[in-house]
PDB file of N, CA and C in Angstrom:
ATOM      1  N   MET A   1      48.273  31.680  73.607  1.00  0.00           N
ATOM      2  CA  MET A   1      48.002  32.815  72.982  1.00  0.00           C
ATOM      3  C   MET A   1      47.037  33.195  72.730  1.00  0.00           C
ATOM      4  N   ILE A   2      46.859  34.881  72.486  1.00  0.00           N
ATOM      5  CA  ILE A   2      45.496  35.699  72.715  1.00  0.00           C
ATOM      6  C   ILE A   2      45.169  35.753  71.331  1.00  0.00           C
ATOM      7  N   ASN A   3      43.792  35.233  71.271  1.00  0.00           N
ATOM      8  CA  ASN A   3      42.761  35.352  70.177  1.00  0.00           C
ATOM      9  C   ASN A   3      41.878  36.909  69.838  1.00  0.00           C
ATOM     10  N   LEU A   4      42.603  37.557  69.304  1.00  0.00           N
ATOM     11  CA  LEU A   4      42.373  38.849  69.212  1.00  0.00           C
ATOM     12  C   LEU A   4      41.468  39.207  68.183  1.00  0.00           C
ATOM     13  N   HIS A   5      40.109  40.091  67.996  1.00  0.00           N
ATOM     14  CA  HIS A   5      39.267  40.534  67.032  1.00  0.00           C
ATOM     15  C   HIS A   5      39.300  41.715  67.169  1.00  0.00           C
ATOM     16  N   PRO A   6      40.577  42.081  66.415  1.00  0.00           N
ATOM     17  CA  PRO A   6      40.514  43.777  66.315  1.00  0.00           C
ATOM     18  C   PRO A   6      39.369  44.282  65.377  1.00  0.00           C
ATOM     19  N   GLU A   7      39.024  45.706  65.448  1.00  0.00           N
ATOM     20  CA  GLU A   7      37.971  46.481  63.935  1.00  0.00           C
ATOM     21  C   GLU A   7      39.223  47.767  63.885  1.00  0.00           C
ATOM     22  N   TYR A   8      39.009  47.853  62.670  1.00  0.00           N
ATOM     23  CA  TYR A   8      40.260  48.758  62.157  1.00  0.00           C
ATOM     24  C   TYR A   8      39.381  50.410  62.345  1.00  0.00           C
ATOM     25  N   ILE A   9      39.904  51.548  62.079  1.00  0.00           N
ATOM     26  CA  ILE A   9      39.507  52.753  61.678  1.00  0.00           C
ATOM     27  C   ILE A   9      40.587  53.384  60.812  1.00  0.00           C
ATOM     28  N   SER A  10      39.828  53.500  59.770  1.00  0.00           N
ATOM     29  CA  SER A  10      40.817  53.943  58.486  1.00  0.00           C
ATOM     30  C   SER A  10      40.406  55.950  58.355  1.00  0.00           C
ATOM     31  N   LYS A  11      41.610  56.339  57.824  1.00  0.00           N
ATOM     32  CA  LYS A  11      41.577  57.972  57.783  1.00  0.00           C
ATOM     33  C   LYS A  11      42.102  57.689  56.269  1.00  0.00           C
ATOM     34  N   LYS A  12      41.862  58.343  55.436  1.00  0.00           N
ATOM     35  CA  LYS A  12      42.157  58.597  53.764  1.00  0.00           C
ATOM     36  C   LYS A  12      42.649  56.943  53.333  1.00  0.00           C
ATOM     37  N   GLY A  13      41.845  56.298  53.754  1.00  0.00           N
ATOM     38  CA  GLY A  13      42.148  55.022  53.265  1.00  0.00           C
ATOM     39  C   GLY A  13      43.371  54.362  53.749  1.00  0.00           C
ATOM     40  N   LYS A  14      44.163  54.883  55.109  1.00  0.00           N
ATOM     41  CA  LYS A  14      45.242  54.314  55.783  1.00  0.00           C
ATOM     42  C   LYS A  14      44.897  53.531  56.811  1.00  0.00           C
ATOM     43  N   LYS A  15      44.944  52.655  57.472  1.00  0.00           N
ATOM     44  CA  LYS A  15      44.460  52.217  58.750  1.00  0.00           C
ATOM     45  C   LYS A  15      45.335  52.981  59.882  1.00  0.00           C
ATOM     46  N   GLU A  16      44.380  53.666  61.050  1.00  0.00           N
ATOM     47  CA  GLU A  16      44.850  54.787  61.708  1.00  0.00           C
ATOM     48  C   GLU A  16      45.070  54.197  63.243  1.00  0.00           C
ATOM     49  N   PHE A  17      43.924  53.358  63.662  1.00  0.00           N
ATOM     50  CA  PHE A  17      43.347  53.034  64.675  1.00  0.00           C
ATOM     51  C   PHE A  17      42.660  51.267  65.001  1.00  0.00           C
ATOM     52  N   VAL A  18      42.909  50.736  66.450  1.00  0.00           N
ATOM     53  CA  VAL A  18      42.617  49.811  66.303  1.00  0.00           C
ATOM     54  C   VAL A  18      41.796  49.574  67.680  1.00  0.00           C
ATOM     55  N   ILE A  19      40.418  49.092  67.382  1.00  0.00           N
ATOM     56  CA  ILE A  19      39.704  49.282  68.637  1.00  0.00           C
ATOM     57  C   ILE A  19      39.622  47.411  68.968  1.00  0.00           C
ATOM     58  N   LEU A  20      39.827  46.864  70.364  1.00  0.00           N
ATOM     59  CA  LEU A  20      39.473  45.613  70.362  1.00  0.00           C
ATOM     60  C   LEU A  20      38.531  45.817  71.633  1.00  0.00           C
ATOM     61  N   PRO A  21      38.213  44.390  71.748  1.00  0.00           N
ATOM     62  CA  PRO A  21      36.742  44.423  72.594  1.00  0.00           C
ATOM     63  C   PRO A  21      37.917  44.619  74.409  1.00  0.00           C
ATOM     64  N   TYR A  22      36.758  44.828  75.322  1.00  0.00           N
ATOM     65  CA  TYR A  22      37.558  45.096  76.682  1.00  0.00           C
ATOM     66  C   TYR A  22      38.519  44.326  76.975  1.00  0.00           C
ATOM     67  N   GLU A  23      37.492  42.688  76.872  1.00  0.00           N
ATOM     68  CA  GLU A  23      38.763  41.791  77.583  1.00  0.00           C
ATOM     69  C   GLU A  23      39.879  41.716  76.909  1.00  0.00           C
ATOM     70  N   GLU A  24      40.171  41.543  75.297  1.00  0.00           N
ATOM     71  CA  GLU A  24      41.318  41.238  74.549  1.00  0.00           C
ATOM     72  C   GLU A  24      42.294  42.101  75.230  1.00  0.00           C
ATOM     73  N   TYR A  25      41.359  43.683  75.235  1.00  0.00           N
ATOM     74  CA  TYR A  25      42.586  44.372  75.615  1.00  0.00           C
ATOM     75  C   TYR A  25      43.237  44.030  76.965  1.00  0.00           C
ATOM     76  N   THR A  26      42.414  43.659  77.564  1.00  0.00           N
ATOM     77  CA  THR A  26      42.991  43.054  79.168  1.00  0.00           C
ATOM     78  C   THR A  26      44.101  42.238  79.141  1.00  0.00           C
ATOM     79  N   LEU A  27      43.791  41.087  78.455  1.00  0.00           N
ATOM     80  CA  LEU A  27      44.651  39.888  78.388  1.00  0.00           C
ATOM     81  C   LEU A  27      45.857  40.351  77.994  1.00  0.00           C
ATOM     82  N   LEU A  28      45.397  41.176  76.735  1.00  0.00           N
ATOM     83  CA  LEU A  28      46.798  41.645  76.184  1.00  0.00           C
ATOM     84  C   LEU A  28      47.760  42.660  77.143  1.00  0.00           C
ATOM     85  N   HIS A  29      47.331  43.578  77.717  1.00  0.00           N
ATOM     86  CA  HIS A  29      48.000  44.317  78.880  1.00  0.00           C
ATOM     87  C   HIS A  29      48.531  43.438  79.713  1.00  0.00           C
ATOM     88  N   GLU A  30      48.075  42.671  80.378  1.00  0.00           N
ATOM     89  CA  GLU A  30      48.620  41.810  81.044  1.00  0.00           C
ATOM     90  C   GLU A  30      49.741  40.951  80.561  1.00  0.00           C
ATOM     91  N   TYR A  31      49.615  40.591  79.258  1.00  0.00           N
ATOM     92  CA  TYR A  31      50.402  39.976  78.728  1.00  0.00           C
ATOM     93  C   TYR A  31      51.885  40.672  78.399  1.00  0.00           C
ATOM     94  N   LEU A  32      51.685  41.476  77.952  1.00  0.00           N
ATOM     95  CA  LEU A  32      52.646  43.008  78.064  1.00  0.00           C
ATOM     96  C   LEU A  32      53.595  43.113  79.004  1.00  0.00           C
ATOM     97  N   GLU A  33      52.829  43.131  80.300  1.00  0.00           N
ATOM     98  CA  GLU A  33      53.630  43.513  81.521  1.00  0.00           C
ATOM     99  C   GLU A  33      54.412  42.241  81.919  1.00  0.00           C
ATOM    100  N   GLN A  34      53.824  41.007  81.568  1.00  0.00           N
ATOM    101  CA  GLN A  34      54.427  39.831  82.001  1.00  0.00           C
ATOM    102  C   GLN A  34      55.699  39.523  81.176  1.00  0.00           C
ATOM    103  N   VAL A  35      55.938  40.186  79.679  1.00  0.00           N
ATOM    104  CA  VAL A  35      56.972  39.972  78.977  1.00  0.00           C
ATOM    105  C   VAL A  35      58.242  40.940  79.612  1.00  0.00           C
ATOM    106  N   GLU A  36      57.536  42.347  79.965  1.00  0.00           N
ATOM    107  CA  GLU A  36      58.356  43.244  80.371  1.00  0.00           C
ATOM    108  C   GLU A  36      59.127  42.640  81.997  1.00  0.00           C
ATOM    109  N   ASP A  37      58.504  42.114  82.734  1.00  0.00           N
ATOM    110  CA  ASP A  37      58.568  41.759  83.663  1.00  0.00           C
ATOM    111  C   ASP A  37      60.166  40.275  83.816  1.00  0.00           C
ATOM    112  N   LEU A  38      59.770  39.828  82.386  1.00  0.00           N
ATOM    113  CA  LEU A  38      60.195  38.622  82.027  1.00  0.00           C
ATOM    114  C   LEU A  38      61.775  39.207  81.794  1.00  0.00           C
ATOM    115  N   LEU A  39      61.267  40.209  80.991  1.00  0.00           N
ATOM    116  CA  LEU A  39      62.668  40.891  80.454  1.00  0.00           C
ATOM    117  C   LEU A  39      63.912  41.662  81.184  1.00  0.00           C
ATOM    118  N   GLU A  40      63.157  42.049  82.388  1.00  0.00           N
ATOM    119  CA  GLU A  40      63.856  42.753  83.759  1.00  0.00           C
ATOM    120  C   GLU A  40      64.638  41.715  84.228  1.00  0.00           C
ATOM    121  N   LEU A  41      63.833  40.252  84.458  1.00  0.00           N
ATOM    122  CA  LEU A  41      64.328  39.195  85.541  1.00  0.00           C
ATOM    123  C   LEU A  41      65.617  38.919  84.445  1.00  0.00           C
ATOM    124  N   ARG A  42      65.506  38.832  83.194  1.00  0.00           N
ATOM    125  CA  ARG A  42      67.039  38.515  82.626  1.00  0.00           C
ATOM    126  C   ARG A  42      67.656  39.262  82.510  1.00  0.00           C
ATOM    127  N   LYS A  43      67.634  40.555  82.254  1.00  0.00           N
ATOM    128  CA  LYS A  43      68.994  41.760  82.622  1.00  0.00           C
ATOM    129  C   LYS A  43      69.066  41.625  84.026  1.00  0.00           C
ATOM    130  N   VAL A  44      68.805  41.241  84.755  1.00  0.00           N
ATOM    131  CA  VAL A  44      69.227  41.350  86.303  1.00  0.00           C
ATOM    132  C   VAL A  44      69.904  39.795  86.394  1.00  0.00           C
ATOM    133  N   LYS A  45      68.926  38.899  85.931  1.00  0.00           N
ATOM    134  CA  LYS A  45      69.912  37.394  86.191  1.00  0.00           C
ATOM    135  C   LYS A  45      71.082  37.439  85.450  1.00  0.00           C
ATOM    136  N   GLU A  46      71.334  38.359  84.303  1.00  0.00           N
ATOM    137  CA  GLU A  46      72.637  38.896  83.330  1.00  0.00           C
ATOM    138  C   GLU A  46      73.867  39.430  84.485  1.00  0.00           C
ATOM    139  N   LYS A  47      73.009  40.232  84.823  1.00  0.00           N
ATOM    140  CA  LYS A  47      74.152  41.337  85.623  1.00  0.00           C
ATOM    141  C   LYS A  47      74.317  40.555  86.808  1.00  0.00           C
ATOM    142  N   GLU A  48      73.630  39.624  87.531  1.00  0.00           N
ATOM    143  CA  GLU A  48      74.286  39.105  88.626  1.00  0.00           C
ATOM    144  C   GLU A  48      74.966  37.835  88.353  1.00  0.00           C
ATOM    145  N   LYS A  49      75.400  37.298  87.381  1.00  0.00           N
ATOM    146  CA  LYS A  49      75.528  36.242  87.075  1.00  0.00           C
ATOM    147  C   LYS A  49      77.446  36.178  87.178  1.00  0.00           C
ATOM    148  N   LYS A  50      77.726  37.482  87.188  1.00  0.00           N
ATOM    149  CA  LYS A  50      79.221  37.729  87.175  1.00  0.00           C
ATOM    150  C   LYS A  50      80.047  37.852  88.511  1.00  0.00           C
ATOM    151  N   LYS A  51      78.550  37.869  89.299  1.00  0.00           N
ATOM    152  CA  LYS A  51      78.821  37.909  90.952  1.00  0.00           C
ATOM    153  C   LYS A  51      79.019  36.623  91.736  1.00  0.00           C
ATOM    154  N   LYS A  52      79.979  36.617  92.689  1.00  0.00           N
ATOM    155  CA  LYS A  52      79.993  35.289  93.261  1.00  0.00           C
ATOM    156  C   LYS A  52      78.893  34.840  94.111  1.00  0.00           C
ATOM    157  N   SER A  53      78.508  33.807  94.160  1.00  0.00           N
ATOM    158  CA  SER A  53      77.373  33.033  94.842  1.00  0.00           C
ATOM    159  C   SER A  53      78.098  31.963  95.840  1.00  0.00           C
ATOM    160  N   ILE A  54      77.015  31.772  96.884  1.00  0.00           N
ATOM    161  CA  ILE A  54      77.180  30.640  97.908  1.00  0.00           C
ATOM    162  C   ILE A  54      76.261  29.740  97.652  1.00  0.00           C
ATOM    163  N   SER A  55      76.250  28.483  97.815  1.00  0.00           N
ATOM    164  CA  SER A  55      75.539  27.596  97.812  1.00  0.00           C
ATOM    165  C   SER A  55      73.970  27.640  99.063  1.00  0.00           C
ATOM    166  N   LEU A  56      73.296  26.938  99.123  1.00  0.00           N
ATOM    167  CA  LEU A  56      72.528  26.680 100.131  1.00  0.00           C
ATOM    168  C   LEU A  56      72.638  26.123 101.208  1.00  0.00           C
ATOM    169  N   ASP A  57      73.442  24.775 100.721  1.00  0.00           N
ATOM    170  CA  ASP A  57      73.952  24.135 101.557  1.00  0.00           C
ATOM    171  C   ASP A  57      75.189  24.808 102.615  1.00  0.00           C
ATOM    172  N   ARG A  58      75.897  25.693 101.750  1.00  0.00           N
ATOM    173  CA  ARG A  58      76.678  26.312 102.926  1.00  0.00           C
ATOM    174  C   ARG A  58      76.462  27.487 103.594  1.00  0.00           C
ATOM    175  N   VAL A  59      74.788  28.456 102.876  1.00  0.00           N
ATOM    176  CA  VAL A  59      74.392  28.679 104.186  1.00  0.00           C
ATOM    177  C   VAL A  59      73.753  27.932 105.098  1.00  0.00           C
ATOM    178  N   LYS A  60      72.958  26.971 105.004  1.00  0.00           N
ATOM    179  CA  LYS A  60      72.572  26.455 105.960  1.00  0.00           C
ATOM    180  C   LYS A  60      73.495  25.856 107.208  1.00  0.00           C
ATOM    181  N   SER A  61      74.508  25.208 106.789  1.00  0.00           N
ATOM    182  CA  SER A  61      75.460  24.913 107.388  1.00  0.00           C
ATOM    183  C   SER A  61      75.789  25.874 108.077  1.00  0.00           C
ATOM    184  N   GLU A  62      76.469  27.018 107.700  1.00  0.00           N
ATOM    185  CA  GLU A  62      76.463  28.094 108.864  1.00  0.00           C
ATOM    186  C   GLU A  62      76.324  28.780 109.227  1.00  0.00           C
ATOM    187  N   LEU A  63      74.836  28.416 108.953  1.00  0.00           N
ATOM    188  CA  LEU A  63      73.626  28.781 110.538  1.00  0.00           C
ATOM    189  C   LEU A  63      73.079  28.258 111.119  1.00  0.00           C
ATOM    190  N   ASN A  64      73.915  26.658 110.954  1.00  0.00           N
ATOM    191  CA  ASN A  64      73.569  25.490 111.794  1.00  0.00           C
ATOM    192  C   ASN A  64      71.937  25.032 111.709  1.00  0.00           C
ATOM    193  N   LEU A  65      71.905  25.034 110.190  1.00  0.00           N
ATOM    194  CA  LEU A  65      70.388  24.821 110.251  1.00  0.00           C
ATOM    195  C   LEU A  65      70.118  23.299 109.806  1.00  0.00           C
TER     196      LEU A  65
END
């Protein structure tokens, strides 16, 4: 889990902006990229789930490996 230390900037008494230390921002950005990759992988796996597959053993056998 990422431990964040945000600083808030308010405008007219309402929080408007957040400032993070650069290292925390970088970790958060990398984490979000990984989450996006995982969501994309899940989408592709769900789409591919309906397609017929061939076992690795069968492929090896057909290729004489």
